[in-house]
Amino acid sequence: MRIALRLALTTPAVLALGLASAPAQAATAPACTKLKGKNLVPGALAKVVDVPTRRGGRTAHHYFLCPKPLSQAGRAKELKATKVGGALRFLDGNGGYAAVRDVAAKRVFVYDLLTRKRRRLAPNPTGRVLVGEAGEAATLLGRRLVGFDFDGRSVVIDKGPVGSIRRKKDDVFWTSAGAAKRTAFSRTKVPCARQGGEVVAQRGGVRVTSFSYSGQYLVGQLNGIATRTRACLLEGDPTAAVLDESSFSTGGAVGGDRFFLQDIAAPYVVGLNSSEDSESNVFQTVKLSDVRTGKATPVFQSGEKLRTASPIFVTAAGTVAMATSTLNEDFNAGTFQIFARRIDGSVRQLDAGPATEFAGPNSESVALKLTGTTLSWTRNGQAKSADLAG
């Protein structure tokens, strides 16, 4: 009896049955320079290829990923589906992100193509999904256009009825009630108090937040971490205004930039972006942003020996008050100039002279103070002031 049972378990039919139920063979990750096949995310800063394997009549999918440039990416990494060997449907790719439908899970995820982490979209899209360069998404749910912020928070963009949707770069286009419309992924309409990210400041009815995402430092390469700083109004239209996009390299390139919030006076925000290139040259840009419209206007750009001198102020009328320093032969502050720039672009010089005559906490600053619309400072021990509303 035992001998008969043992023989039965070794018959060709049973062996074939066991082979058919065995797991599909694993695929070996190739070098990125040898990753062949159709790129499933042609709009992204990466290449993803499906390398299927078969065993016992079953097909397993292996999605191998290589960030661009492929020559610097080493070996490919595998994007995992919920079910081992399960199928993925790539819906859109943009920058360092891809919108992907997991067939077995019947869910849509946004994949970070640099870290391979994913975030599920809820409510679950069933149709076309577009993805933004910072991991945002947009889709149609019924006849409504719904947007997802970088952290997955959803908001109805247009109640519709909305027709087809499409993406061009980082903008979404659609039709609603016969009218053509567009918006940028970065201009999220999530209620201001609920917008995600680190809170940088909140005062005067304005909330400033920042968050980081995988992106490019060198053009066309997925080798950087970008930081987006944005602002919104706590009352009224909550649409976010992008104040700055800063980035630094994760791929060995030297340099980077950083944003420094200077002042808030609703609806205006003024900030300073300071960047440094591979030769340690410093570049500074001061921008005035209108939170209502999202429009950012350059107020000052540094030169070879021209720098900003902190602090920088803005009034509720959009007038920016600041000082600049002209460097001497030793690249120390030689002279200071204090001026006010109105919202119409006109500039009024308030004071100028040797840096040694202005009292400040350090050699690169002026003791400026703004009270209401009155700007005050000290020169040679004497108090001076100017009405910025004049």
Protein backbone atom coordinates (compact mmCIF):
# COMPACT_ATOMS: atom_id res chain seq x y z
CA MET A 1 0.00 0.00 0.00
CA ARG A 2 2.78 2.41 0.94
CA ILE A 3 4.78 1.37 -2.12
CA ALA A 4 1.78 1.95 -4.41
CA LEU A 5 1.17 5.42 -2.89
CA ARG A 6 4.83 6.38 -3.28
CA LEU A 7 4.77 5.33 -6.94
CA ALA A 8 1.57 7.27 -7.54
CA LEU A 9 3.12 10.48 -6.19
CA THR A 10 5.99 10.17 -8.67
CA THR A 11 3.96 9.63 -11.81
CA PRO A 12 4.50 12.14 -14.70
CA ALA A 13 0.98 13.57 -14.31
CA VAL A 14 1.51 14.49 -10.67
CA LEU A 15 4.99 15.87 -11.35
CA ALA A 16 3.54 18.07 -14.10
CA LEU A 17 0.84 19.28 -11.69
CA GLY A 18 3.47 20.22 -9.14
CA LEU A 19 5.48 22.06 -11.79
CA ALA A 20 2.45 24.05 -12.89
CA SER A 21 1.77 25.22 -9.33
CA ALA A 22 5.38 26.21 -8.67
CA PRO A 23 6.14 29.93 -8.41
CA ALA A 24 7.30 31.72 -11.55
CA GLN A 25 11.03 32.03 -12.03
CA ALA A 26 12.63 35.21 -10.74
CA ALA A 27 14.30 37.61 -13.19
CA THR A 28 17.82 38.89 -12.66
CA ALA A 29 18.18 42.66 -12.51
CA PRO A 30 20.26 43.81 -15.50
CA ALA A 31 22.74 46.67 -15.60
CA CYS A 32 20.95 49.90 -16.51
CA THR A 33 23.11 50.30 -19.62
CA LYS A 34 21.76 46.94 -20.82
CA LEU A 35 18.11 47.48 -19.92
CA LYS A 36 16.34 46.72 -23.20
CA GLY A 37 12.69 47.02 -24.12
CA LYS A 38 9.90 49.58 -24.40
CA ASN A 39 10.00 52.37 -21.82
CA LEU A 40 6.66 52.34 -20.00
CA VAL A 41 7.13 55.90 -18.62
CA PRO A 42 8.46 57.92 -21.58
CA GLY A 43 7.44 61.21 -19.95
CA ALA A 44 9.42 60.60 -16.76
CA LEU A 45 13.08 60.97 -15.81
CA ALA A 46 13.50 57.20 -15.68
CA LYS A 47 13.18 54.07 -17.79
CA VAL A 48 10.85 51.25 -16.73
CA VAL A 49 10.75 47.98 -18.66
CA ASP A 50 8.59 44.88 -18.15
CA VAL A 51 10.75 41.71 -18.17
CA PRO A 52 8.23 38.81 -18.02
CA THR A 53 9.18 35.28 -17.08
CA ARG A 54 7.20 32.08 -17.69
CA ARG A 55 7.11 28.80 -15.82
CA GLY A 56 4.54 26.04 -16.03
CA GLY A 57 2.26 28.14 -18.25
CA ARG A 58 2.22 31.11 -15.82
CA THR A 59 3.58 34.58 -16.60
CA ALA A 60 5.19 36.74 -13.94
CA HIS A 61 5.90 40.43 -14.54
CA HIS A 62 9.12 42.07 -13.35
CA TYR A 63 9.25 45.84 -13.80
CA PHE A 64 12.83 47.05 -13.75
CA LEU A 65 13.57 50.71 -13.16
CA CYS A 66 16.62 52.84 -13.95
CA PRO A 67 16.81 56.60 -13.24
CA LYS A 68 18.28 58.72 -16.01
CA PRO A 69 21.07 58.99 -17.04
CA LEU A 70 21.29 55.21 -17.40
CA SER A 71 25.08 55.34 -17.63
CA GLN A 72 25.26 56.47 -13.99
CA ALA A 73 22.46 54.35 -12.52
CA GLY A 74 24.28 51.04 -11.86
CA ARG A 75 21.95 48.05 -11.77
CA ALA A 76 18.21 48.22 -12.31
CA LYS A 77 15.82 48.08 -9.33
CA GLU A 78 12.48 46.29 -9.37
CA LEU A 79 9.12 48.01 -8.87
CA LYS A 80 6.93 45.67 -6.84
CA ALA A 81 3.23 45.03 -7.39
CA THR A 82 0.93 44.04 -4.51
CA LYS A 83 0.86 40.46 -5.81
CA VAL A 84 4.24 38.86 -6.53
CA GLY A 85 4.64 38.82 -10.30
CA GLY A 86 1.43 40.82 -10.73
CA ALA A 87 0.74 43.19 -13.61
CA LEU A 88 1.05 46.97 -13.45
CA ARG A 89 -0.50 49.44 -15.90
CA PHE A 90 1.48 52.66 -16.27
CA LEU A 91 -0.97 55.53 -16.79
CA ASP A 92 1.32 58.58 -16.87
CA GLY A 93 4.88 59.61 -16.03
CA ASN A 94 6.22 63.07 -15.19
CA GLY A 95 9.56 64.00 -13.62
CA GLY A 96 10.35 61.55 -10.85
CA TYR A 97 6.82 60.10 -10.56
CA ALA A 98 4.45 57.71 -12.32
CA ALA A 99 0.73 56.98 -11.94
CA VAL A 100 0.29 53.19 -11.94
CA ARG A 101 -2.74 50.88 -11.75
CA ASP A 102 -2.07 47.68 -9.80
CA VAL A 103 -4.23 45.15 -11.65
CA ALA A 104 -4.53 42.57 -8.85
CA ALA A 105 -5.20 45.16 -6.14
CA LYS A 106 -7.55 47.16 -8.40
CA ARG A 107 -5.98 50.32 -7.01
CA VAL A 108 -4.08 53.28 -8.45
CA PHE A 109 -0.79 54.35 -6.88
CA VAL A 110 1.69 57.15 -7.43
CA TYR A 111 5.21 55.71 -7.50
CA ASP A 112 8.31 57.71 -6.59
CA LEU A 113 10.75 56.53 -9.26
CA LEU A 114 13.80 57.49 -7.20
CA THR A 115 12.88 55.80 -3.90
CA ARG A 116 10.40 53.22 -5.38
CA LYS A 117 7.93 54.09 -2.62
CA ARG A 118 4.28 54.36 -3.56
CA ARG A 119 1.18 56.16 -2.30
CA ARG A 120 -2.40 55.01 -2.94
CA LEU A 121 -4.93 57.43 -4.39
CA ALA A 122 -8.29 57.54 -2.64
CA PRO A 123 -11.02 57.73 -3.79
CA ASN A 124 -9.77 55.17 -6.30
CA PRO A 125 -9.65 56.42 -9.92
CA THR A 126 -11.10 54.12 -12.57
CA GLY A 127 -10.24 56.09 -15.70
CA ARG A 128 -7.37 58.20 -16.95
CA VAL A 129 -4.92 59.55 -14.36
CA LEU A 130 -2.42 62.35 -14.89
CA VAL A 131 0.57 62.91 -12.61
CA GLY A 132 2.49 66.08 -11.67
CA GLU A 133 6.23 66.51 -11.30
CA ALA A 134 5.96 66.63 -7.48
CA GLY A 135 3.75 63.53 -7.23
CA GLU A 136 0.37 65.25 -7.53
CA ALA A 137 -2.38 63.66 -9.63
CA ALA A 138 -5.62 64.50 -11.42
CA THR A 139 -8.44 62.27 -12.65
CA LEU A 140 -12.12 62.19 -13.55
CA LEU A 141 -14.47 60.68 -10.99
CA GLY A 142 -17.78 60.52 -12.81
CA ARG A 143 -18.01 63.93 -14.50
CA ARG A 144 -16.00 65.75 -11.82
CA LEU A 145 -12.33 66.68 -12.07
CA VAL A 146 -10.55 65.68 -8.85
CA GLY A 147 -7.00 66.64 -7.88
CA PHE A 148 -4.64 64.96 -5.42
CA ASP A 149 -1.92 66.93 -3.68
CA PHE A 150 1.62 65.59 -3.21
CA ASP A 151 0.56 63.81 0.01
CA GLY A 152 -2.64 62.33 -1.44
CA ARG A 153 -5.16 64.84 -0.06
CA SER A 154 -7.96 65.13 -2.61
CA VAL A 155 -10.11 68.09 -3.65
CA VAL A 156 -12.70 68.67 -6.36
CA ILE A 157 -11.23 71.05 -8.94
CA ASP A 158 -14.31 71.26 -11.19
CA LYS A 159 -17.77 69.85 -10.46
CA GLY A 160 -18.41 69.56 -14.19
CA PRO A 161 -19.69 68.10 -16.24
CA VAL A 162 -16.06 67.78 -17.35
CA GLY A 163 -15.01 66.38 -20.71
CA SER A 164 -11.67 64.77 -21.49
CA ILE A 165 -8.52 65.76 -19.61
CA ARG A 166 -4.93 66.00 -20.79
CA ARG A 167 -1.56 67.11 -19.47
CA LYS A 168 1.13 69.32 -20.99
CA LYS A 169 4.27 69.54 -18.88
CA ASP A 170 2.90 70.34 -15.40
CA ASP A 171 -0.46 71.81 -16.41
CA VAL A 172 -3.86 70.07 -16.66
CA PHE A 173 -6.27 71.00 -19.47
CA TRP A 174 -9.97 70.15 -19.67
CA THR A 175 -13.36 71.37 -20.88
CA SER A 176 -16.29 72.19 -18.62
CA ALA A 177 -19.68 73.36 -19.81
CA GLY A 178 -18.15 74.05 -23.22
CA ALA A 179 -15.34 76.23 -21.85
CA ALA A 180 -11.65 75.35 -22.08
CA LYS A 181 -9.84 75.47 -18.73
CA ARG A 182 -6.40 74.82 -17.29
CA THR A 183 -4.57 74.75 -13.97
CA ALA A 184 -1.12 73.84 -12.72
CA PHE A 185 -0.62 70.81 -10.47
CA SER A 186 1.33 73.07 -8.08
CA ARG A 187 -1.70 75.36 -7.59
CA THR A 188 -3.56 72.96 -5.30
CA LYS A 189 -7.03 73.95 -4.11
CA VAL A 190 -6.93 71.88 -0.91
CA PRO A 191 -8.26 74.13 1.91
CA CYS A 192 -5.38 76.27 3.17
CA ALA A 193 -5.37 74.99 6.76
CA ARG A 194 -5.22 71.38 5.47
CA GLN A 195 -2.42 71.80 2.94
CA GLY A 196 0.39 69.42 3.82
CA GLY A 197 4.08 69.98 4.36
CA GLU A 198 6.18 71.63 7.05
CA VAL A 199 4.69 74.90 8.29
CA VAL A 200 7.33 77.59 7.76
CA ALA A 201 5.23 80.50 9.02
CA GLN A 202 1.62 81.50 9.61
CA ARG A 203 0.66 85.10 10.27
CA GLY A 204 -1.50 87.87 8.89
CA GLY A 205 -3.92 85.39 7.31
CA VAL A 206 -1.15 83.75 5.24
CA ARG A 207 0.17 80.21 5.73
CA VAL A 208 3.57 79.24 4.28
CA THR A 209 4.55 75.56 3.97
CA SER A 210 7.26 73.54 2.25
CA PHE A 211 7.78 69.92 1.18
CA SER A 212 10.44 67.94 -0.67
CA TYR A 213 10.12 65.59 -3.64
CA SER A 214 12.31 63.58 -6.01
CA GLY A 215 13.28 65.55 -9.11
CA GLN A 216 16.10 66.76 -11.28
CA TYR A 217 19.13 68.78 -10.30
CA LEU A 218 20.80 68.60 -13.71
CA VAL A 219 18.42 68.94 -16.66
CA GLY A 220 17.04 65.62 -17.82
CA GLN A 221 18.44 63.62 -14.90
CA LEU A 222 16.64 62.12 -11.91
CA ASN A 223 19.39 63.02 -9.45
CA GLY A 224 18.02 65.66 -7.11
CA ILE A 225 15.72 66.49 -4.23
CA ALA A 226 13.58 69.57 -4.83
CA THR A 227 11.93 71.66 -2.11
CA ARG A 228 8.76 73.56 -2.99
CA THR A 229 7.76 76.48 -0.77
CA ARG A 230 4.21 77.72 -1.19
CA ALA A 231 1.71 80.03 0.47
CA CYS A 232 -2.07 80.24 0.73
CA LEU A 233 -4.72 82.52 2.23
CA LEU A 234 -6.50 81.17 5.30
CA GLU A 235 -9.68 83.01 4.26
CA GLY A 236 -11.10 83.22 0.76
CA ASP A 237 -9.63 81.36 -2.21
CA PRO A 238 -7.24 78.71 -0.81
CA THR A 239 -5.34 78.14 -4.09
CA ALA A 240 -1.66 77.75 -3.30
CA ALA A 241 0.96 80.10 -4.73
CA VAL A 242 4.44 78.70 -5.33
CA LEU A 243 7.02 80.98 -3.74
CA ASP A 244 10.14 79.02 -4.67
CA GLU A 245 11.56 75.79 -6.08
CA SER A 246 14.97 74.90 -4.64
CA SER A 247 17.03 71.79 -5.29
CA PHE A 248 20.21 69.99 -4.39
CA SER A 249 21.94 67.01 -5.99
CA THR A 250 21.77 63.38 -4.92
CA GLY A 251 24.00 62.30 -7.80
CA GLY A 252 27.35 63.86 -6.91
CA ALA A 253 26.95 67.22 -8.68
CA VAL A 254 28.20 70.21 -6.66
CA GLY A 255 25.99 73.17 -5.78
CA GLY A 256 22.39 73.82 -4.90
CA ASP A 257 20.08 76.55 -3.71
CA ARG A 258 17.94 77.42 -0.71
CA PHE A 259 14.94 79.65 0.03
CA PHE A 260 14.76 82.05 2.97
CA LEU A 261 11.38 83.56 3.90
CA GLN A 262 11.81 87.27 4.68
CA ASP A 263 8.43 88.87 5.43
CA ILE A 264 4.66 88.49 5.08
CA ALA A 265 2.03 91.19 4.69
CA ALA A 266 -1.14 89.72 3.21
CA PRO A 267 -1.56 89.17 0.36
CA TYR A 268 2.18 89.55 -0.29
CA VAL A 269 5.19 87.42 0.64
CA VAL A 270 8.83 88.33 0.02
CA GLY A 271 11.63 85.77 0.02
CA LEU A 272 15.28 85.29 -0.89
CA ASN A 273 16.71 82.45 -2.96
CA SER A 274 20.45 81.94 -2.52
CA SER A 275 22.30 79.50 -4.77
CA GLU A 276 25.90 78.39 -5.18
CA ASP A 277 27.51 76.86 -8.25
CA SER A 278 30.36 74.35 -8.52
CA GLU A 279 32.92 77.17 -8.31
CA SER A 280 31.42 78.54 -5.06
CA ASN A 281 29.93 81.59 -6.79
CA VAL A 282 26.87 82.88 -4.90
CA PHE A 283 23.74 84.15 -6.64
CA GLN A 284 20.85 85.86 -4.84
CA THR A 285 17.33 86.62 -6.04
CA VAL A 286 14.67 88.45 -4.04
CA LYS A 287 11.10 87.77 -5.21
CA LEU A 288 7.78 89.36 -4.30
CA SER A 289 4.84 86.95 -4.57
CA ASP A 290 1.14 87.79 -4.70
CA VAL A 291 -0.60 84.86 -2.98
CA ARG A 292 -3.92 85.68 -4.66
CA THR A 293 -2.64 85.27 -8.21
CA GLY A 294 0.51 83.18 -7.72
CA LYS A 295 2.51 85.79 -9.64
CA ALA A 296 6.14 86.18 -8.51
CA THR A 297 8.10 89.32 -9.42
CA PRO A 298 11.91 89.57 -9.13
CA VAL A 299 12.84 92.57 -6.97
CA PHE A 300 16.61 92.18 -6.80
CA GLN A 301 19.32 90.01 -8.37
CA SER A 302 22.88 89.96 -7.10
CA GLY A 303 25.92 90.88 -9.18
CA GLU A 304 29.61 90.02 -8.92
CA LYS A 305 30.09 92.37 -5.94
CA LEU A 306 26.49 93.23 -5.16
CA ARG A 307 24.66 91.38 -2.37
CA THR A 308 21.52 91.70 -0.31
CA ALA A 309 21.79 92.94 3.27
CA SER A 310 19.22 91.54 5.69
CA PRO A 311 16.50 92.07 6.75
CA ILE A 312 13.95 92.53 3.94
CA PHE A 313 10.39 93.81 4.51
CA VAL A 314 7.12 94.10 2.58
CA THR A 315 4.00 96.18 3.23
CA ALA A 316 0.37 95.26 2.57
CA ALA A 317 0.56 97.52 -0.50
CA GLY A 318 3.35 95.40 -1.98
CA THR A 319 6.23 97.81 -1.33
CA VAL A 320 9.51 96.00 -0.62
CA ALA A 321 12.07 97.71 1.61
CA MET A 322 15.61 96.38 1.76
CA ALA A 323 19.30 97.20 1.75
CA THR A 324 22.03 96.04 -0.59
CA SER A 325 25.77 96.00 -0.08
CA THR A 326 28.54 96.65 -2.60
CA LEU A 327 31.58 94.55 -1.71
CA ASN A 328 35.11 95.95 -1.48
CA GLU A 329 38.33 94.35 -2.71
CA ASP A 330 38.28 91.89 0.23
CA PHE A 331 34.67 90.97 -0.59
CA ASN A 332 33.42 92.57 2.61
CA ALA A 333 30.56 95.08 2.71
CA GLY A 334 31.95 98.40 1.50
CA THR A 335 28.81 100.50 1.09
CA PHE A 336 25.12 100.08 1.89
CA GLN A 337 22.14 101.33 -0.10
CA ILE A 338 18.64 101.38 1.41
CA PHE A 339 15.73 101.57 -1.02
CA ALA A 340 12.01 100.88 -1.43
CA ARG A 341 10.48 99.24 -4.50
CA ARG A 342 6.77 99.86 -5.07
CA ILE A 343 4.37 97.36 -6.60
CA ASP A 344 4.44 99.33 -9.89
CA GLY A 345 8.20 98.75 -10.17
CA SER A 346 9.33 102.26 -9.29
CA VAL A 347 12.30 102.49 -6.91
CA ARG A 348 13.04 105.16 -4.29
CA GLN A 349 16.47 105.35 -2.69
CA LEU A 350 16.20 106.12 1.02
CA ASP A 351 19.85 106.25 2.10
CA ALA A 352 23.36 105.25 1.03
CA GLY A 353 26.86 105.42 2.45
CA PRO A 354 29.86 103.50 3.85
CA ALA A 355 28.96 100.26 5.61
CA THR A 356 30.80 101.39 8.76
CA GLU A 357 28.21 104.16 9.28
CA PHE A 358 25.24 101.79 9.58
CA ALA A 359 24.55 99.93 12.80
CA GLY A 360 23.67 96.26 12.33
CA PRO A 361 24.05 92.98 14.25
CA ASN A 362 26.82 91.92 11.82
CA SER A 363 28.87 93.25 8.93
CA GLU A 364 26.33 92.01 6.34
CA SER A 365 23.20 93.61 7.79
CA VAL A 366 21.56 96.93 8.51
CA ALA A 367 19.43 97.55 11.60
CA LEU A 368 16.23 98.07 9.62
CA LYS A 369 12.84 97.99 11.34
CA LEU A 370 9.36 98.27 9.83
CA THR A 371 6.45 99.52 11.96
CA GLY A 372 3.26 99.83 9.97
CA THR A 373 4.48 101.64 6.86
CA THR A 374 7.39 103.42 8.60
CA LEU A 375 10.88 102.09 7.94
CA SER A 376 13.52 103.10 10.48
CA TRP A 377 17.28 102.60 10.76
CA THR A 378 20.35 104.12 12.38
CA ARG A 379 23.28 105.87 10.68
CA ASN A 380 26.23 107.35 12.60
CA GLY A 381 24.24 107.02 15.80
CA GLN A 382 21.30 109.04 14.46
CA ALA A 383 17.81 107.60 14.01
CA LYS A 384 16.41 107.90 10.53
CA SER A 385 13.07 106.89 9.03
CA ALA A 386 10.92 107.00 5.89
CA ASP A 387 7.21 106.51 5.25
CA LEU A 388 6.87 103.78 2.63
CA ALA A 389 3.31 104.85 1.89
CA GLY A 390 4.57 108.24 0.66
